[in-house]
């Protein structure tokens, strides 16, 4: 009994010391203010009204000096915005008028303050998914559990304490189905003065997989609650808010990632879909998993991945194939007889420097001819390929 007691005391002291050590950083403040953004699509061109974007690096006295500790402050407005996708327009709840919402960035050990202004018509809370929040449950976000919801026309300031997290996590609304449209990525960089445990990438990109509903998501949710039936399936999946070439009225706004031959890109991936596992692959390119859910992993080389709902993954992609355009694609994985969405969302990996590189005539023509269709990933498993989906860490 005495041995067990000593062990528990030692364990508690270790956790306390760990939290004390991990909480140190630098200090600076950011103010991020935006207004309602209206989006439409005419003749395949996406137009966007100007919005106010103000960033300040100031301390309490108005100066721009830096001090010990690291403090990041953001003001985020929860509001409705109009979007035109899948040949129809709808108004939905967003943060700062964008879908997905803004990216929060911090260093390991930082503290971030986010002031959320609810300008919508529903109660809302924000959860910081994957953040441990040591001794700080009051800013974790579950409504009626650790906090009252933020009512319409009111605001609440969250304190987000990063301790041992490093990599990609994410934030989302935590009430009803509002997280279908209210979500975004959180990038936690290595502590200043340190580096990644693997060779650093040349560039990085956020890749958020989401659902798209033509109807209001709260109406769908309330209808299912009232009737007791299955909620309506999503009308599409999206990559960074765009459905891609395989959905109607979508091929002019497909998400495109410009890349240069011979570089390594860190894809910070988030599955923000409500309740579906997604299979993801990039044509002709291997993926190296180096982290998941805010922690690094032993590198795993594969040619496709599966992300469960709420999961994040840090993936390295090296652009070492014949320069041209390649599809990245994601589709549902299903292992039950229940109905599911059969669509496939796509984005385009676009080599941009190949027209000025010493490649063969065939490669030059393939890359510079914009009329050529991107290659589709043949390694993307089928919807119900359970054996393959559950063993992707062993591929190829």
Protein backbone atom coordinates (compact mmCIF):
# COMPACT_ATOMS: atom_id res chain seq x y z
CA UNK A 1 0.00 0.00 0.00
CA UNK A 2 2.83 2.37 0.90
CA UNK A 3 4.58 1.59 -2.38
CA UNK A 4 1.40 2.37 -4.31
CA UNK A 5 0.97 5.65 -2.41
CA UNK A 6 4.52 6.72 -3.20
CA UNK A 7 4.00 5.83 -6.84
CA UNK A 8 0.85 7.97 -7.04
CA UNK A 9 2.60 10.91 -5.37
CA UNK A 10 5.52 10.60 -7.80
CA UNK A 11 3.12 10.41 -10.76
CA UNK A 12 1.23 13.53 -9.69
CA UNK A 13 4.45 15.45 -9.12
CA UNK A 14 5.72 14.42 -12.52
CA UNK A 15 2.54 15.64 -14.23
CA UNK A 16 2.67 18.90 -12.29
CA UNK A 17 6.30 19.52 -13.22
CA UNK A 18 5.56 18.62 -16.84
CA UNK A 19 2.75 21.20 -17.01
CA UNK A 20 4.97 23.82 -15.37
CA UNK A 21 7.78 23.22 -17.85
CA UNK A 22 5.56 23.10 -20.94
CA UNK A 23 3.77 26.38 -20.16
CA UNK A 24 6.74 28.67 -20.90
CA UNK A 25 7.01 30.62 -24.14
CA UNK A 26 7.01 34.16 -25.61
CA UNK A 27 4.33 36.85 -25.52
CA UNK A 28 2.51 38.62 -28.34
CA UNK A 29 -1.05 39.60 -29.11
CA UNK A 30 -3.08 39.31 -32.30
CA UNK A 31 -6.42 40.95 -33.09
CA UNK A 32 -8.32 39.37 -35.99
CA UNK A 33 -11.47 41.21 -37.01
CA UNK A 34 -13.66 40.40 -40.03
CA UNK A 35 -17.14 41.17 -41.24
CA UNK A 36 -19.78 39.09 -43.01
CA UNK A 37 -18.54 37.71 -46.35
CA UNK A 38 -20.93 37.02 -49.20
CA UNK A 39 -19.83 34.44 -51.79
CA UNK A 40 -21.35 33.69 -55.17
CA UNK A 41 -20.27 31.86 -58.32
CA UNK A 42 -20.92 33.41 -61.74
CA UNK A 43 -19.61 31.86 -64.94
CA UNK A 44 -17.27 29.66 -62.97
CA UNK A 45 -15.53 32.58 -61.21
CA UNK A 46 -15.75 32.94 -57.46
CA UNK A 47 -16.21 36.54 -56.27
CA UNK A 48 -15.70 37.66 -52.73
CA UNK A 49 -16.53 40.98 -51.09
CA UNK A 50 -13.72 42.81 -49.35
CA UNK A 51 -13.52 42.35 -45.61
CA UNK A 52 -11.59 44.04 -42.86
CA UNK A 53 -8.48 42.14 -41.81
CA UNK A 54 -6.56 43.73 -38.95
CA UNK A 55 -3.56 42.15 -37.29
CA UNK A 56 -1.69 43.84 -34.45
CA UNK A 57 1.42 42.67 -32.62
CA UNK A 58 1.09 44.85 -29.55
CA UNK A 59 1.53 44.47 -25.84
CA UNK A 60 -0.69 45.96 -23.15
CA UNK A 61 1.07 49.34 -23.43
CA UNK A 62 0.66 49.51 -27.22
CA UNK A 63 4.29 48.76 -28.03
CA UNK A 64 5.54 45.93 -30.23
CA UNK A 65 8.25 44.55 -27.96
CA UNK A 66 8.37 40.87 -27.05
CA UNK A 67 8.38 39.43 -23.57
CA UNK A 68 8.59 36.03 -21.94
CA UNK A 69 5.62 33.75 -22.28
CA UNK A 70 3.59 33.50 -25.50
CA UNK A 71 0.10 34.93 -25.76
CA UNK A 72 -1.99 34.93 -28.93
CA UNK A 73 -5.37 36.62 -29.00
CA UNK A 74 -7.97 36.34 -31.78
CA UNK A 75 -11.45 37.82 -32.09
CA UNK A 76 -13.67 35.48 -34.10
CA UNK A 77 -17.22 36.26 -35.20
CA UNK A 78 -19.78 33.46 -35.55
CA UNK A 79 -22.15 34.68 -38.25
CA UNK A 80 -24.21 33.61 -41.23
CA UNK A 81 -22.88 33.86 -44.80
CA UNK A 82 -24.23 32.97 -48.25
CA UNK A 83 -22.55 30.25 -50.32
CA UNK A 84 -23.32 28.97 -53.82
CA UNK A 85 -22.37 25.35 -54.43
CA UNK A 86 -23.92 22.35 -56.21
CA UNK A 87 -26.01 24.71 -58.39
CA UNK A 88 -27.80 26.32 -55.42
CA UNK A 89 -27.27 29.06 -52.85
CA UNK A 90 -27.77 28.78 -49.13
CA UNK A 91 -27.01 30.79 -46.00
CA UNK A 92 -25.11 29.01 -43.23
CA UNK A 93 -23.36 29.69 -39.96
CA UNK A 94 -19.61 30.31 -40.27
CA UNK A 95 -16.69 31.84 -38.40
CA UNK A 96 -15.44 35.04 -40.04
CA UNK A 97 -17.51 34.31 -43.13
CA UNK A 98 -15.33 31.45 -44.37
CA UNK A 99 -15.75 27.69 -44.83
CA UNK A 100 -13.64 26.13 -43.44
CA UNK A 101 -12.92 28.70 -40.73
CA UNK A 102 -9.64 30.50 -39.97
CA UNK A 103 -6.45 28.64 -39.03
CA UNK A 104 -5.07 29.20 -35.54
CA UNK A 105 -1.28 29.03 -35.24
CA UNK A 106 0.83 28.74 -32.12
CA UNK A 107 4.08 27.30 -30.82
CA UNK A 108 4.30 24.42 -28.40
CA UNK A 109 3.72 25.71 -24.88
CA UNK A 110 1.81 28.83 -25.96
CA UNK A 111 -1.42 30.18 -24.54
CA UNK A 112 -4.00 31.43 -27.02
CA UNK A 113 -7.01 33.61 -26.25
CA UNK A 114 -9.92 33.50 -28.71
CA UNK A 115 -12.81 35.91 -28.27
CA UNK A 116 -15.87 34.35 -29.93
CA UNK A 117 -18.70 36.71 -30.90
CA UNK A 118 -21.94 34.87 -31.63
CA UNK A 119 -23.82 36.80 -34.32
CA UNK A 120 -25.91 33.79 -35.34
CA UNK A 121 -29.34 32.60 -34.21
CA UNK A 122 -28.28 29.52 -32.22
CA UNK A 123 -26.37 28.91 -29.00
CA UNK A 124 -22.77 27.98 -29.73
CA UNK A 125 -19.58 26.73 -28.06
CA UNK A 126 -16.15 25.97 -29.49
CA UNK A 127 -14.13 22.86 -28.65
CA UNK A 128 -10.35 22.68 -29.16
CA UNK A 129 -10.10 19.12 -30.40
CA UNK A 130 -6.87 17.37 -29.40
CA UNK A 131 -5.75 20.07 -26.93
CA UNK A 132 -5.25 18.66 -23.44
CA UNK A 133 -6.06 21.94 -21.64
CA UNK A 134 -4.25 21.03 -18.35
CA UNK A 135 -6.29 22.20 -15.34
CA UNK A 136 -8.41 24.36 -17.65
CA UNK A 137 -11.67 22.48 -18.43
CA UNK A 138 -13.73 25.69 -18.37
CA UNK A 139 -12.45 26.60 -21.85
CA UNK A 140 -12.80 23.12 -23.36
CA UNK A 141 -16.14 23.79 -25.03
CA UNK A 142 -18.75 21.06 -24.31
CA UNK A 143 -21.95 23.00 -23.70
CA UNK A 144 -23.79 22.39 -20.44
CA UNK A 145 -20.82 20.29 -19.27
CA UNK A 146 -17.99 22.74 -18.60
CA UNK A 147 -19.65 25.95 -19.74
CA UNK A 148 -22.96 27.55 -20.64
CA UNK A 149 -23.35 28.08 -24.39
CA UNK A 150 -22.61 31.45 -25.95
CA UNK A 151 -26.01 32.92 -26.65
CA UNK A 152 -26.81 34.93 -29.79
CA UNK A 153 -25.52 38.52 -29.69
CA UNK A 154 -23.08 37.73 -26.88
CA UNK A 155 -19.42 36.73 -26.68
CA UNK A 156 -17.03 34.60 -24.64
CA UNK A 157 -13.23 34.55 -24.48
CA UNK A 158 -11.57 31.13 -24.48
CA UNK A 159 -8.17 30.45 -22.95
CA UNK A 160 -6.41 27.66 -24.86
CA UNK A 161 -3.37 26.25 -23.06
CA UNK A 162 -1.04 24.20 -25.24
CA UNK A 163 1.18 21.83 -23.25
CA UNK A 164 2.68 18.81 -25.03
CA UNK A 165 0.73 19.08 -28.31
CA UNK A 166 2.79 19.50 -31.45
CA UNK A 167 1.58 19.09 -35.01
CA UNK A 168 -2.00 19.48 -36.24
CA UNK A 169 -5.16 19.58 -34.14
CA UNK A 170 -8.40 21.42 -34.85
CA UNK A 171 -11.31 23.40 -33.45
CA UNK A 172 -15.04 23.02 -34.03
CA UNK A 173 -18.44 23.95 -32.66
CA UNK A 174 -19.70 21.57 -30.00
CA UNK A 175 -23.47 21.88 -30.16
CA UNK A 176 -25.92 19.92 -32.30
CA UNK A 177 -24.79 19.84 -35.96
CA UNK A 178 -23.26 23.31 -36.03
CA UNK A 179 -19.76 21.83 -36.32
CA UNK A 180 -20.62 20.79 -39.89
CA UNK A 181 -19.91 24.39 -40.91
CA UNK A 182 -18.02 25.80 -37.93
CA UNK A 183 -14.54 24.28 -37.84
CA UNK A 184 -10.92 24.94 -38.72
CA UNK A 185 -7.36 23.74 -38.22
CA UNK A 186 -4.91 24.49 -35.42
CA UNK A 187 -1.20 24.37 -36.27
CA UNK A 188 1.11 23.84 -33.28
CA UNK A 189 4.70 24.44 -34.36
CA UNK A 190 7.78 23.17 -32.51
CA UNK A 191 8.86 25.40 -29.66
CA UNK A 192 10.89 28.35 -30.95
CA UNK A 193 14.54 27.38 -31.19
CA UNK A 194 13.72 23.71 -31.89
CA UNK A 195 12.82 21.85 -35.08
CA UNK A 196 10.79 18.93 -36.42
CA UNK A 197 11.98 15.40 -35.52
CA UNK A 198 12.18 14.69 -39.27
CA UNK A 199 13.75 16.70 -42.10
CA UNK A 200 11.78 19.92 -42.33
CA UNK A 201 9.38 20.28 -45.27
CA UNK A 202 9.86 22.94 -47.93
CA UNK A 203 6.26 24.11 -47.56
CA UNK A 204 3.07 23.11 -45.80
CA UNK A 205 -0.64 23.17 -46.63
CA UNK A 206 -3.87 22.73 -44.65
CA UNK A 207 -6.20 20.09 -46.13
CA UNK A 208 -9.62 19.93 -44.44
CA UNK A 209 -12.14 17.29 -45.48
CA UNK A 210 -15.74 18.33 -44.79
CA UNK A 211 -19.36 17.55 -45.62
CA UNK A 212 -21.67 19.76 -47.65
CA UNK A 213 -25.44 19.87 -47.23
CA UNK A 214 -27.74 21.80 -49.57
CA UNK A 215 -30.24 22.22 -46.73
CA UNK A 216 -29.69 23.99 -43.43
CA UNK A 217 -27.85 21.53 -41.17
CA UNK A 218 -29.80 22.56 -38.07
CA UNK A 219 -33.08 21.86 -39.87
CA UNK A 220 -31.81 18.39 -40.79
CA UNK A 221 -30.73 17.75 -37.20
CA UNK A 222 -34.00 18.97 -35.66
CA UNK A 223 -36.04 16.96 -38.17
CA UNK A 224 -34.19 13.75 -37.24
CA UNK A 225 -34.67 14.43 -33.53
CA UNK A 226 -38.40 15.05 -33.96
CA UNK A 227 -39.09 12.02 -36.17
CA UNK A 228 -36.56 9.60 -34.70
CA UNK A 229 -35.45 8.69 -38.21
CA UNK A 230 -32.08 8.66 -39.92
CA UNK A 231 -30.79 12.15 -40.70
CA UNK A 232 -30.38 13.11 -44.33
CA UNK A 233 -27.06 12.13 -45.92
CA UNK A 234 -24.68 14.87 -47.02
CA UNK A 235 -24.93 16.02 -50.63
CA UNK A 236 -21.16 16.13 -51.14
CA UNK A 237 -17.76 15.96 -49.52
CA UNK A 238 -15.31 18.84 -49.85
CA UNK A 239 -11.57 19.47 -49.86
CA UNK A 240 -10.91 22.88 -48.32
CA UNK A 241 -14.51 23.87 -48.93
CA UNK A 242 -14.68 22.80 -52.61
CA UNK A 243 -16.48 19.71 -53.92
CA UNK A 244 -14.31 19.11 -56.97
CA UNK A 245 -14.68 18.05 -60.59
CA UNK A 246 -16.96 15.05 -60.02
CA UNK A 247 -19.88 16.99 -58.52
CA UNK A 248 -22.30 19.18 -60.52
CA UNK A 249 -21.59 22.92 -60.86
CA UNK A 250 -18.26 22.45 -59.11
CA UNK A 251 -15.46 21.91 -61.62
CA UNK A 252 -14.65 25.61 -61.98
CA UNK A 253 -13.92 26.03 -58.26
CA UNK A 254 -12.02 22.79 -57.56
CA UNK A 255 -9.36 23.19 -54.89
CA UNK A 256 -5.89 23.37 -56.47
CA UNK A 257 -2.55 22.98 -54.69
CA UNK A 258 0.29 24.49 -56.78
CA UNK A 259 3.56 22.60 -56.21
CA UNK A 260 7.06 22.63 -57.62
CA UNK A 261 8.96 19.58 -58.78
CA UNK A 262 11.48 18.20 -56.30
CA UNK A 263 10.02 19.69 -53.10
CA UNK A 264 8.52 18.11 -49.99
CA UNK A 265 5.17 19.37 -48.71
CA UNK A 266 3.68 18.82 -45.26
CA UNK A 267 -0.06 18.23 -45.62
CA UNK A 268 -1.84 19.03 -42.35
CA UNK A 269 -5.01 16.98 -42.77
CA UNK A 270 -8.25 17.19 -40.79
CA UNK A 271 -11.34 15.00 -41.13
CA UNK A 272 -14.06 17.46 -40.09
CA UNK A 273 -16.91 15.32 -41.45
CA UNK A 274 -19.67 14.59 -38.94
CA UNK A 275 -19.63 10.80 -38.77
CA UNK A 276 -17.82 9.16 -41.69
CA UNK A 277 -14.40 7.66 -42.25
CA UNK A 278 -12.70 8.90 -45.38
CA UNK A 279 -10.15 7.26 -47.66
CA UNK A 280 -7.66 9.68 -49.24
CA UNK A 281 -5.01 9.31 -51.93
CA UNK A 282 -2.97 11.39 -54.39
CA UNK A 283 -2.44 9.94 -57.86
CA UNK A 284 1.04 8.48 -58.46
CA UNK A 285 2.43 9.86 -55.15
CA UNK A 286 3.34 8.17 -51.91
CA UNK A 287 2.35 9.67 -48.56
CA UNK A 288 4.55 9.52 -45.46
CA UNK A 289 2.63 9.74 -42.18
CA UNK A 290 4.74 11.57 -39.58
CA UNK A 291 2.13 12.60 -37.02
CA UNK A 292 -1.45 12.24 -35.89
CA UNK A 293 -3.69 14.08 -33.42
CA UNK A 294 -1.03 16.53 -32.27
CA UNK A 295 1.82 14.05 -31.76
CA UNK A 296 4.60 12.69 -33.96
CA UNK A 297 4.74 9.07 -35.05
CA UNK A 298 7.31 6.77 -36.54
CA UNK A 299 7.26 7.55 -40.30
CA UNK A 300 4.93 5.27 -42.27
CA UNK A 301 5.05 5.24 -46.08
CA UNK A 302 1.77 4.44 -47.82
CA UNK A 303 -0.09 5.28 -51.03
CA UNK A 304 -3.43 6.03 -49.33
CA UNK A 305 -4.69 6.83 -45.84
CA UNK A 306 -7.93 6.55 -43.88
CA UNK A 307 -9.02 9.28 -41.48
CA UNK A 308 -11.73 8.68 -38.91
CA UNK A 309 -14.13 11.48 -37.87
CA UNK A 310 -12.27 14.14 -35.88
CA UNK A 311 -8.84 12.70 -36.67
CA UNK A 312 -5.91 14.81 -37.84
CA UNK A 313 -2.84 13.56 -39.66
CA UNK A 314 0.49 15.11 -40.68
CA UNK A 315 1.57 13.70 -44.03
CA UNK A 316 4.66 14.39 -46.15
CA UNK A 317 4.31 14.40 -49.93
CA UNK A 318 7.34 14.69 -52.24
CA UNK A 319 6.74 15.96 -55.76
CA UNK A 320 8.98 13.52 -57.60
CA UNK A 321 6.68 12.31 -60.39
CA UNK A 322 6.42 13.29 -64.04
CA UNK A 323 5.27 16.90 -63.94
CA UNK A 324 1.60 17.33 -64.82
CA UNK A 325 -1.68 17.60 -62.90
CA UNK A 326 -2.75 14.88 -60.47
CA UNK A 327 -5.99 14.39 -58.58
CA UNK A 328 -6.10 14.11 -54.83
CA UNK A 329 -9.34 12.33 -53.95
CA UNK A 330 -11.35 11.28 -50.91
CA UNK A 331 -14.36 9.03 -50.58
CA UNK A 332 -16.39 7.28 -47.92
CA UNK A 333 -15.39 4.04 -46.23
CA UNK A 334 -18.36 2.04 -45.01
CA UNK A 335 -18.43 -1.31 -43.18
CA UNK A 336 -22.17 -1.57 -42.43
CA UNK A 337 -25.36 -2.06 -44.47
CA UNK A 338 -26.55 1.48 -43.68
CA UNK A 339 -27.05 4.01 -46.52
CA UNK A 340 -24.04 6.20 -47.24
CA UNK A 341 -22.93 8.97 -49.59
CA UNK A 342 -21.32 7.57 -52.74
CA UNK A 343 -19.61 10.72 -53.98
CA UNK A 344 -15.87 11.36 -54.35
CA UNK A 345 -14.40 14.79 -53.69
CA UNK A 346 -11.32 15.84 -55.64
CA UNK A 347 -8.62 18.47 -55.60
CA UNK A 348 -5.74 18.99 -58.03
CA UNK A 349 -2.01 18.72 -57.32
CA UNK A 350 -0.64 21.06 -59.97
CA UNK A 351 3.03 21.14 -60.91
CA UNK A 352 3.84 24.76 -61.72
CA UNK A 353 7.56 24.91 -62.64
CA UNK A 354 7.74 22.08 -65.15
CA UNK A 355 7.55 24.27 -68.25
CA UNK A 356 10.95 25.69 -67.35
CA UNK A 357 12.65 22.44 -66.31
CA UNK A 358 14.77 19.98 -68.34
CA UNK A 359 12.15 17.29 -68.93
CA UNK A 360 11.40 15.18 -71.96
CA UNK A 361 9.12 16.44 -74.73
CA UNK A 362 6.33 14.12 -73.51
CA UNK A 363 6.63 15.37 -69.92
CA UNK A 364 6.78 18.99 -71.10
CA UNK A 365 3.64 18.55 -73.20
CA UNK A 366 1.75 16.77 -70.41
CA UNK A 367 2.52 19.46 -67.87
CA UNK A 368 2.02 22.58 -69.97
CA UNK A 369 -1.13 21.42 -71.73
CA UNK A 370 -3.90 22.60 -69.42
CA UNK A 371 -6.49 20.66 -71.44
CA UNK A 372 -5.15 17.31 -70.27
CA UNK A 373 -7.23 15.79 -67.48
CA UNK A 374 -5.49 15.15 -64.15
CA UNK A 375 -4.59 11.54 -63.38
CA UNK A 376 -6.94 9.85 -60.88
CA UNK A 377 -5.44 7.83 -57.98
CA UNK A 378 -5.74 4.14 -58.80
CA UNK A 379 -4.67 3.34 -55.22
CA UNK A 380 -7.81 4.85 -53.67
CA UNK A 381 -9.75 1.89 -52.19
CA UNK A 382 -13.39 1.27 -52.95
CA UNK A 383 -16.09 2.27 -50.47
CA UNK A 384 -16.52 -1.16 -48.89
CA UNK A 385 -12.95 -2.49 -49.17
CA UNK A 386 -12.62 -3.21 -45.44
CA UNK A 387 -9.47 -5.33 -45.66
CA UNK A 388 -7.58 -2.60 -47.47
CA UNK A 389 -8.97 0.28 -45.43
CA UNK A 390 -7.93 -1.19 -42.11
CA UNK A 391 -4.38 -2.10 -43.20
CA UNK A 392 -3.30 1.11 -44.93
CA UNK A 393 -0.35 1.56 -42.58
CA UNK A 394 1.17 -1.53 -44.22
CA UNK A 395 0.86 -0.22 -47.79
CA UNK A 396 2.33 -0.14 -50.35
